[in-house]
Amino acid sequence: MTEQSTIKVPQQITTALLSPRRPEEDRERDAVRHLGELLTFYGVRPGLHVADLMASSGYLTGALAEMVGDAGLVYAQNSPQLLARFKGESPIRKRIADCGLTNVRDVVCELEDLQLPEGGLDIIFSFMFYHDTVWVGTDRAAMNAAIFRSLKPGGILAVVDHHAPAGAGTTVAKDHHRVERASVVQEVTAAGFVLGDESSLLENPADPLNVLVFDKTVRHRTHRFTLKFRRPGEAPGQ
């Protein structure tokens, strides 16, 4: 377990997050999301090829684009179902145009059939949406298998989500937008991943775990797990 106090954000990441190309509202969210520490924990650096799954309007995508730089690449994936919330228009395309993100690729596909380069990615992010895959009916075994195929040997699957009470499994995914850590670990490792590390970065033991994550008593302060899964094998150049 990597404790929050041991994560030291390098200047390179701090500078990237302060980029004037990032919208001001994004930069204001960074502190509560501990984004600098999060990117440090997952080893994001220039030149990497990464993916942001269910990227929505691209908060994380934009930060990743600044961090991997011109030598890197970011695939921002959204499902057709999610795009329906934006009236069919891709918010990623808008962000690419508005912010000049030439190193971002807009990908529209289902999670079970990821249109990503097979064996080509260093890190894939599942950022606070694994629970959503339960209630929307995603075939999670197929999804995790697709993620596995898209990563290089030694590549990382980064999963952050809201804790559910012990024993709840996936039963409160729709009502409270939470999922039990143990269920996620079981499902992801069944696809061949190894849990390499986790961090206390986003933990909040004061969260009662029995309320919706958008409830004003816990909004932006939920008890969250931060897991680092690895595809077995040695990454090129390691």
C-alpha atoms as a PDB file:
ATOM      1  CA  MET A   1       0.000   0.000   0.000  1.00  0.00           C
ATOM      2  CA  THR A   2       1.444   3.344  -1.082  1.00  0.00           C
ATOM      3  CA  GLU A   3       0.512   5.984   1.483  1.00  0.00           C
ATOM      4  CA  GLN A   4      -0.521   9.448   0.356  1.00  0.00           C
ATOM      5  CA  SER A   5       2.268  11.062   2.365  1.00  0.00           C
ATOM      6  CA  THR A   6       4.935   9.199   0.373  1.00  0.00           C
ATOM      7  CA  ILE A   7       3.775  10.440  -3.045  1.00  0.00           C
ATOM      8  CA  LYS A   8       5.920  13.385  -4.100  1.00  0.00           C
ATOM      9  CA  VAL A   9       4.666  15.108  -7.226  1.00  0.00           C
ATOM     10  CA  PRO A  10       7.531  15.945  -9.629  1.00  0.00           C
ATOM     11  CA  GLN A  11       7.779  19.435 -11.064  1.00  0.00           C
ATOM     12  CA  GLN A  12       7.122  18.013 -14.514  1.00  0.00           C
ATOM     13  CA  ILE A  13       3.593  16.985 -13.528  1.00  0.00           C
ATOM     14  CA  THR A  14       2.923  20.209 -11.620  1.00  0.00           C
ATOM     15  CA  THR A  15       3.911  22.228 -14.683  1.00  0.00           C
ATOM     16  CA  ALA A  16       1.751  20.107 -16.985  1.00  0.00           C
ATOM     17  CA  LEU A  17      -1.333  20.570 -14.802  1.00  0.00           C
ATOM     18  CA  LEU A  18      -0.810  24.337 -14.777  1.00  0.00           C
ATOM     19  CA  SER A  19      -0.872  24.480 -18.575  1.00  0.00           C
ATOM     20  CA  PRO A  20      -2.942  27.463 -19.779  1.00  0.00           C
ATOM     21  CA  ARG A  21      -4.487  25.155 -22.368  1.00  0.00           C
ATOM     22  CA  ARG A  22      -6.435  23.438 -19.580  1.00  0.00           C
ATOM     23  CA  PRO A  23      -9.756  25.131 -18.734  1.00  0.00           C
ATOM     24  CA  GLU A  24      -9.721  27.019 -15.438  1.00  0.00           C
ATOM     25  CA  GLU A  25     -12.529  24.870 -14.036  1.00  0.00           C
ATOM     26  CA  ASP A  26     -10.409  21.765 -14.643  1.00  0.00           C
ATOM     27  CA  ARG A  27      -7.450  23.220 -12.788  1.00  0.00           C
ATOM     28  CA  GLU A  28      -9.740  24.131  -9.893  1.00  0.00           C
ATOM     29  CA  ARG A  29     -10.836  20.469  -9.605  1.00  0.00           C
ATOM     30  CA  ASP A  30      -7.283  19.129  -9.384  1.00  0.00           C
ATOM     31  CA  ALA A  31      -6.774  19.676  -5.655  1.00  0.00           C
ATOM     32  CA  VAL A  32      -9.892  17.804  -4.550  1.00  0.00           C
ATOM     33  CA  ARG A  33      -9.111  14.997  -7.011  1.00  0.00           C
ATOM     34  CA  HIS A  34      -5.433  14.909  -5.886  1.00  0.00           C
ATOM     35  CA  LEU A  35      -4.693  14.705  -9.589  1.00  0.00           C
ATOM     36  CA  GLY A  36      -0.974  15.446  -9.342  1.00  0.00           C
ATOM     37  CA  GLU A  37      -0.483  12.654  -6.816  1.00  0.00           C
ATOM     38  CA  LEU A  38      -2.702  10.329  -8.849  1.00  0.00           C
ATOM     39  CA  LEU A  39      -0.690  10.777 -12.039  1.00  0.00           C
ATOM     40  CA  THR A  40       2.506  10.336 -10.030  1.00  0.00           C
ATOM     41  CA  PHE A  41       1.272   7.087  -8.451  1.00  0.00           C
ATOM     42  CA  TYR A  42       0.416   5.635 -11.858  1.00  0.00           C
ATOM     43  CA  GLY A  43       3.720   6.723 -13.399  1.00  0.00           C
ATOM     44  CA  VAL A  44       2.378   8.983 -16.140  1.00  0.00           C
ATOM     45  CA  ARG A  45       5.273  10.559 -18.031  1.00  0.00           C
ATOM     46  CA  PRO A  46       6.114  12.040 -21.443  1.00  0.00           C
ATOM     47  CA  GLY A  47       6.011   9.731 -24.415  1.00  0.00           C
ATOM     48  CA  LEU A  48       3.500   7.207 -23.059  1.00  0.00           C
ATOM     49  CA  HIS A  49       0.498   5.956 -24.991  1.00  0.00           C
ATOM     50  CA  VAL A  50      -2.506   5.911 -22.651  1.00  0.00           C
ATOM     51  CA  ALA A  51      -6.302   5.636 -22.739  1.00  0.00           C
ATOM     52  CA  ASP A  52      -9.036   7.356 -20.756  1.00  0.00           C
ATOM     53  CA  LEU A  53     -12.086   5.093 -20.780  1.00  0.00           C
ATOM     54  CA  MET A  54     -15.533   6.678 -20.610  1.00  0.00           C
ATOM     55  CA  ALA A  55     -13.770  10.008 -20.818  1.00  0.00           C
ATOM     56  CA  SER A  56     -17.009  12.032 -20.909  1.00  0.00           C
ATOM     57  CA  SER A  57     -16.065  15.693 -21.532  1.00  0.00           C
ATOM     58  CA  GLY A  58     -12.375  14.976 -21.043  1.00  0.00           C
ATOM     59  CA  TYR A  59     -11.224  16.325 -17.676  1.00  0.00           C
ATOM     60  CA  LEU A  60      -8.689  13.516 -17.238  1.00  0.00           C
ATOM     61  CA  THR A  61      -7.993  13.343 -20.973  1.00  0.00           C
ATOM     62  CA  GLY A  62      -6.825  16.953 -21.030  1.00  0.00           C
ATOM     63  CA  ALA A  63      -4.468  16.444 -18.106  1.00  0.00           C
ATOM     64  CA  LEU A  64      -3.033  13.278 -19.635  1.00  0.00           C
ATOM     65  CA  ALA A  65      -2.489  15.067 -22.947  1.00  0.00           C
ATOM     66  CA  GLU A  66      -0.397  17.743 -21.244  1.00  0.00           C
ATOM     67  CA  MET A  67       1.607  15.115 -19.370  1.00  0.00           C
ATOM     68  CA  VAL A  68       2.460  12.660 -22.167  1.00  0.00           C
ATOM     69  CA  GLY A  69       3.314  15.525 -24.504  1.00  0.00           C
ATOM     70  CA  ASP A  70       3.821  15.559 -28.256  1.00  0.00           C
ATOM     71  CA  ALA A  71       5.763  12.294 -28.152  1.00  0.00           C
ATOM     72  CA  GLY A  72       2.842  10.542 -26.435  1.00  0.00           C
ATOM     73  CA  LEU A  73      -0.746   9.786 -27.343  1.00  0.00           C
ATOM     74  CA  VAL A  74      -4.076   9.763 -25.498  1.00  0.00           C
ATOM     75  CA  TYR A  75      -7.081   7.722 -26.634  1.00  0.00           C
ATOM     76  CA  ALA A  76     -10.271   9.209 -25.187  1.00  0.00           C
ATOM     77  CA  GLN A  77     -13.025   6.590 -25.379  1.00  0.00           C
ATOM     78  CA  ASN A  78     -16.753   7.115 -24.970  1.00  0.00           C
ATOM     79  CA  SER A  79     -19.598   4.728 -25.664  1.00  0.00           C
ATOM     80  CA  PRO A  80     -22.475   5.616 -28.015  1.00  0.00           C
ATOM     81  CA  GLN A  81     -24.768   5.438 -24.977  1.00  0.00           C
ATOM     82  CA  LEU A  82     -22.742   8.073 -23.136  1.00  0.00           C
ATOM     83  CA  LEU A  83     -22.580  10.312 -26.189  1.00  0.00           C
ATOM     84  CA  ALA A  84     -26.372  10.352 -26.242  1.00  0.00           C
ATOM     85  CA  ARG A  85     -26.145  12.582 -23.144  1.00  0.00           C
ATOM     86  CA  PHE A  86     -24.308  15.106 -25.310  1.00  0.00           C
ATOM     87  CA  LYS A  87     -26.968  14.903 -28.062  1.00  0.00           C
ATOM     88  CA  GLY A  88     -24.677  12.729 -30.136  1.00  0.00           C
ATOM     89  CA  GLU A  89     -21.911  15.322 -30.362  1.00  0.00           C
ATOM     90  CA  SER A  90     -18.493  14.285 -29.118  1.00  0.00           C
ATOM     91  CA  PRO A  91     -17.275  16.524 -26.272  1.00  0.00           C
ATOM     92  CA  ILE A  92     -13.782  15.165 -26.894  1.00  0.00           C
ATOM     93  CA  ARG A  93     -13.721  16.585 -30.401  1.00  0.00           C
ATOM     94  CA  LYS A  94     -14.707  19.942 -28.952  1.00  0.00           C
ATOM     95  CA  ARG A  95     -11.933  19.753 -26.357  1.00  0.00           C
ATOM     96  CA  ILE A  96      -9.393  18.778 -29.014  1.00  0.00           C
ATOM     97  CA  ALA A  97     -10.387  21.814 -31.082  1.00  0.00           C
ATOM     98  CA  ASP A  98     -10.708  24.278 -28.200  1.00  0.00           C
ATOM     99  CA  CYS A  99      -7.452  23.286 -26.480  1.00  0.00           C
ATOM    100  CA  GLY A 100      -5.336  22.337 -29.493  1.00  0.00           C
ATOM    101  CA  LEU A 101      -4.790  18.770 -28.329  1.00  0.00           C
ATOM    102  CA  THR A 102      -3.136  17.221 -31.368  1.00  0.00           C
ATOM    103  CA  ASN A 103      -2.047  14.187 -29.336  1.00  0.00           C
ATOM    104  CA  VAL A 104      -5.603  13.088 -28.456  1.00  0.00           C
ATOM    105  CA  ARG A 105      -7.669  10.606 -30.453  1.00  0.00           C
ATOM    106  CA  ASP A 106     -11.468  10.556 -30.115  1.00  0.00           C
ATOM    107  CA  VAL A 107     -12.663   6.943 -29.919  1.00  0.00           C
ATOM    108  CA  VAL A 108     -16.353   5.988 -29.930  1.00  0.00           C
ATOM    109  CA  CYS A 109     -16.954   2.304 -29.207  1.00  0.00           C
ATOM    110  CA  GLU A 110     -18.358  -0.098 -26.658  1.00  0.00           C
ATOM    111  CA  LEU A 111     -16.234  -1.107 -23.678  1.00  0.00           C
ATOM    112  CA  GLU A 112     -16.522  -4.759 -24.648  1.00  0.00           C
ATOM    113  CA  ASP A 113     -15.058  -4.029 -28.098  1.00  0.00           C
ATOM    114  CA  LEU A 114     -12.412  -1.388 -27.512  1.00  0.00           C
ATOM    115  CA  GLN A 115     -11.099   0.153 -30.700  1.00  0.00           C
ATOM    116  CA  LEU A 116      -7.577   0.560 -29.339  1.00  0.00           C
ATOM    117  CA  PRO A 117      -4.228  -0.680 -30.665  1.00  0.00           C
ATOM    118  CA  GLU A 118      -3.800  -4.269 -29.505  1.00  0.00           C
ATOM    119  CA  GLY A 119      -0.837  -4.511 -27.153  1.00  0.00           C
ATOM    120  CA  GLY A 120      -0.042  -0.850 -27.771  1.00  0.00           C
ATOM    121  CA  LEU A 121      -0.865   1.028 -24.557  1.00  0.00           C
ATOM    122  CA  ASP A 122       1.168   1.736 -21.437  1.00  0.00           C
ATOM    123  CA  ILE A 123      -1.678   2.753 -19.103  1.00  0.00           C
ATOM    124  CA  ILE A 124      -5.479   2.541 -19.326  1.00  0.00           C
ATOM    125  CA  PHE A 125      -7.570   4.572 -16.877  1.00  0.00           C
ATOM    126  CA  SER A 126     -10.924   3.485 -15.438  1.00  0.00           C
ATOM    127  CA  PHE A 127     -11.661   6.633 -13.462  1.00  0.00           C
ATOM    128  CA  MET A 128     -14.700   6.386 -11.169  1.00  0.00           C
ATOM    129  CA  PHE A 129     -16.979   4.573 -13.576  1.00  0.00           C
ATOM    130  CA  TYR A 130     -16.429   0.844 -12.971  1.00  0.00           C
ATOM    131  CA  HIS A 131     -19.602   0.874 -10.866  1.00  0.00           C
ATOM    132  CA  ASP A 132     -21.555   2.292 -13.819  1.00  0.00           C
ATOM    133  CA  THR A 133     -20.689  -0.718 -15.948  1.00  0.00           C
ATOM    134  CA  VAL A 134     -22.771  -2.814 -13.535  1.00  0.00           C
ATOM    135  CA  TRP A 135     -26.085  -1.012 -13.878  1.00  0.00           C
ATOM    136  CA  VAL A 136     -25.796  -0.220 -17.600  1.00  0.00           C
ATOM    137  CA  GLY A 137     -25.304  -3.929 -18.285  1.00  0.00           C
ATOM    138  CA  THR A 138     -21.738  -3.983 -19.608  1.00  0.00           C
ATOM    139  CA  ASP A 139     -20.263  -7.443 -20.070  1.00  0.00           C
ATOM    140  CA  ARG A 140     -17.445  -6.782 -17.616  1.00  0.00           C
ATOM    141  CA  ALA A 141     -15.584  -9.997 -18.373  1.00  0.00           C
ATOM    142  CA  ALA A 142     -15.449  -8.984 -22.040  1.00  0.00           C
ATOM    143  CA  MET A 143     -14.489  -5.423 -21.082  1.00  0.00           C
ATOM    144  CA  ASN A 144     -11.607  -6.509 -18.859  1.00  0.00           C
ATOM    145  CA  ALA A 145     -10.405  -8.943 -21.514  1.00  0.00           C
ATOM    146  CA  ALA A 146     -10.441  -6.135 -24.098  1.00  0.00           C
ATOM    147  CA  ILE A 147      -8.453  -3.881 -21.757  1.00  0.00           C
ATOM    148  CA  PHE A 148      -5.931  -6.684 -21.170  1.00  0.00           C
ATOM    149  CA  ARG A 149      -5.416  -7.131 -24.921  1.00  0.00           C
ATOM    150  CA  SER A 150      -4.913  -3.389 -25.420  1.00  0.00           C
ATOM    151  CA  LEU A 151      -2.090  -3.094 -22.897  1.00  0.00           C
ATOM    152  CA  LYS A 152       1.557  -3.868 -23.491  1.00  0.00           C
ATOM    153  CA  PRO A 153       3.119  -6.594 -21.336  1.00  0.00           C
ATOM    154  CA  GLY A 154       3.807  -4.817 -18.042  1.00  0.00           C
ATOM    155  CA  GLY A 155       1.152  -2.218 -18.851  1.00  0.00           C
ATOM    156  CA  ILE A 156      -1.080  -0.762 -16.129  1.00  0.00           C
ATOM    157  CA  LEU A 157      -4.831  -0.683 -15.624  1.00  0.00           C
ATOM    158  CA  ALA A 158      -5.622   2.182 -13.250  1.00  0.00           C
ATOM    159  CA  VAL A 159      -8.934   1.781 -11.416  1.00  0.00           C
ATOM    160  CA  VAL A 160     -10.368   4.428  -9.075  1.00  0.00           C
ATOM    161  CA  ASP A 161     -13.887   4.104  -7.685  1.00  0.00           C
ATOM    162  CA  HIS A 162     -16.145   4.704  -4.695  1.00  0.00           C
ATOM    163  CA  HIS A 163     -16.092   2.129  -1.899  1.00  0.00           C
ATOM    164  CA  ALA A 164     -19.255   0.148  -1.140  1.00  0.00           C
ATOM    165  CA  PRO A 165     -19.721  -1.507   2.276  1.00  0.00           C
ATOM    166  CA  ALA A 166     -18.027  -4.851   2.855  1.00  0.00           C
ATOM    167  CA  GLY A 167     -20.197  -7.623   1.478  1.00  0.00           C
ATOM    168  CA  ALA A 168     -22.207  -5.334  -0.826  1.00  0.00           C
ATOM    169  CA  GLY A 169     -20.426  -6.502  -3.940  1.00  0.00           C
ATOM    170  CA  THR A 170     -22.095  -4.852  -6.929  1.00  0.00           C
ATOM    171  CA  THR A 171     -25.577  -4.560  -5.400  1.00  0.00           C
ATOM    172  CA  VAL A 172     -25.491  -0.797  -4.714  1.00  0.00           C
ATOM    173  CA  ALA A 173     -23.881   0.202  -8.004  1.00  0.00           C
ATOM    174  CA  LYS A 174     -27.026   1.849  -9.347  1.00  0.00           C
ATOM    175  CA  ASP A 175     -28.608   3.265  -6.177  1.00  0.00           C
ATOM    176  CA  HIS A 176     -25.449   4.603  -4.525  1.00  0.00           C
ATOM    177  CA  HIS A 177     -22.932   4.547  -7.424  1.00  0.00           C
ATOM    178  CA  ARG A 178     -20.548   2.419  -5.381  1.00  0.00           C
ATOM    179  CA  VAL A 179     -18.876  -0.955  -5.828  1.00  0.00           C
ATOM    180  CA  GLU A 180     -17.007  -3.148  -3.379  1.00  0.00           C
ATOM    181  CA  ARG A 181     -13.244  -3.184  -3.847  1.00  0.00           C
ATOM    182  CA  ALA A 182     -13.131  -6.965  -3.477  1.00  0.00           C
ATOM    183  CA  SER A 183     -15.546  -7.428  -6.378  1.00  0.00           C
ATOM    184  CA  VAL A 184     -13.444  -5.243  -8.665  1.00  0.00           C
ATOM    185  CA  VAL A 185     -10.255  -7.086  -7.715  1.00  0.00           C
ATOM    186  CA  GLN A 186     -11.915 -10.449  -8.330  1.00  0.00           C
ATOM    187  CA  GLU A 187     -13.264  -9.471 -11.737  1.00  0.00           C
ATOM    188  CA  VAL A 188     -10.121  -7.752 -12.990  1.00  0.00           C
ATOM    189  CA  THR A 189      -7.699 -10.456 -11.852  1.00  0.00           C
ATOM    190  CA  ALA A 190      -9.970 -13.065 -13.481  1.00  0.00           C
ATOM    191  CA  ALA A 191      -8.998 -11.424 -16.787  1.00  0.00           C
ATOM    192  CA  GLY A 192      -5.321 -12.159 -16.099  1.00  0.00           C
ATOM    193  CA  PHE A 193      -4.251  -8.967 -14.335  1.00  0.00           C
ATOM    194  CA  VAL A 194      -2.164  -8.873 -11.170  1.00  0.00           C
ATOM    195  CA  LEU A 195      -2.886  -6.309  -8.457  1.00  0.00           C
ATOM    196  CA  GLY A 196       0.501  -4.645  -8.174  1.00  0.00           C
ATOM    197  CA  ASP A 197      -0.152  -1.808  -5.737  1.00  0.00           C
ATOM    198  CA  GLU A 198      -2.817   0.460  -4.298  1.00  0.00           C
ATOM    199  CA  SER A 199      -2.841   3.827  -2.594  1.00  0.00           C
ATOM    200  CA  SER A 200      -4.624   5.481   0.312  1.00  0.00           C
ATOM    201  CA  LEU A 201      -4.615   8.718  -1.689  1.00  0.00           C
ATOM    202  CA  LEU A 202      -8.399   9.086  -1.966  1.00  0.00           C
ATOM    203  CA  GLU A 203      -9.519   7.279   1.151  1.00  0.00           C
ATOM    204  CA  ASN A 204     -11.942   8.946   3.583  1.00  0.00           C
ATOM    205  CA  PRO A 205     -12.949   6.676   6.498  1.00  0.00           C
ATOM    206  CA  ALA A 206     -15.529   9.279   7.581  1.00  0.00           C
ATOM    207  CA  ASP A 207     -17.681   8.361   4.561  1.00  0.00           C
ATOM    208  CA  PRO A 208     -20.550   6.189   5.956  1.00  0.00           C
ATOM    209  CA  LEU A 209     -20.675   4.248   2.628  1.00  0.00           C
ATOM    210  CA  ASN A 210     -24.484   3.983   2.773  1.00  0.00           C
ATOM    211  CA  VAL A 211     -25.375   7.157   0.861  1.00  0.00           C
ATOM    212  CA  LEU A 212     -25.345   8.169  -2.794  1.00  0.00           C
ATOM    213  CA  VAL A 213     -21.937   9.530  -3.800  1.00  0.00           C
ATOM    214  CA  PHE A 214     -23.625  12.771  -4.904  1.00  0.00           C
ATOM    215  CA  ASP A 215     -25.122  13.351  -1.451  1.00  0.00           C
ATOM    216  CA  LYS A 216     -23.968  16.742  -0.153  1.00  0.00           C
ATOM    217  CA  THR A 217     -22.467  15.127   2.954  1.00  0.00           C
ATOM    218  CA  VAL A 218     -19.872  13.223   0.894  1.00  0.00           C
ATOM    219  CA  ARG A 219     -19.823  14.751  -2.587  1.00  0.00           C
ATOM    220  CA  HIS A 220     -16.191  15.094  -3.758  1.00  0.00           C
ATOM    221  CA  ARG A 221     -15.085  13.466  -0.479  1.00  0.00           C
ATOM    222  CA  THR A 222     -16.166   9.843  -0.851  1.00  0.00           C
ATOM    223  CA  HIS A 223     -14.071   6.931   0.404  1.00  0.00           C
ATOM    224  CA  ARG A 224     -12.345   5.686  -2.779  1.00  0.00           C
ATOM    225  CA  PHE A 225      -9.984   2.881  -3.657  1.00  0.00           C
ATOM    226  CA  THR A 226      -7.051   3.503  -5.975  1.00  0.00           C
ATOM    227  CA  LEU A 227      -5.826   0.287  -7.555  1.00  0.00           C
ATOM    228  CA  LYS A 228      -2.878  -0.392  -9.875  1.00  0.00           C
ATOM    229  CA  PHE A 229      -3.299  -3.596 -11.859  1.00  0.00           C
ATOM    230  CA  ARG A 230      -0.575  -4.846 -14.165  1.00  0.00           C
ATOM    231  CA  ARG A 231      -0.646  -7.048 -17.210  1.00  0.00           C
ATOM    232  CA  PRO A 232       1.996  -9.720 -16.506  1.00  0.00           C
ATOM    233  CA  GLY A 233       5.187  -9.511 -18.488  1.00  0.00           C
ATOM    234  CA  GLU A 234       8.025  -7.062 -18.842  1.00  0.00           C
ATOM    235  CA  ALA A 235       7.418  -3.863 -20.728  1.00  0.00           C
ATOM    236  CA  PRO A 236       9.853  -3.108 -23.570  1.00  0.00           C
ATOM    237  CA  GLY A 237      12.871  -1.191 -22.311  1.00  0.00           C
ATOM    238  CA  GLN A 238      12.340  -2.178 -18.663  1.00  0.00           C
END
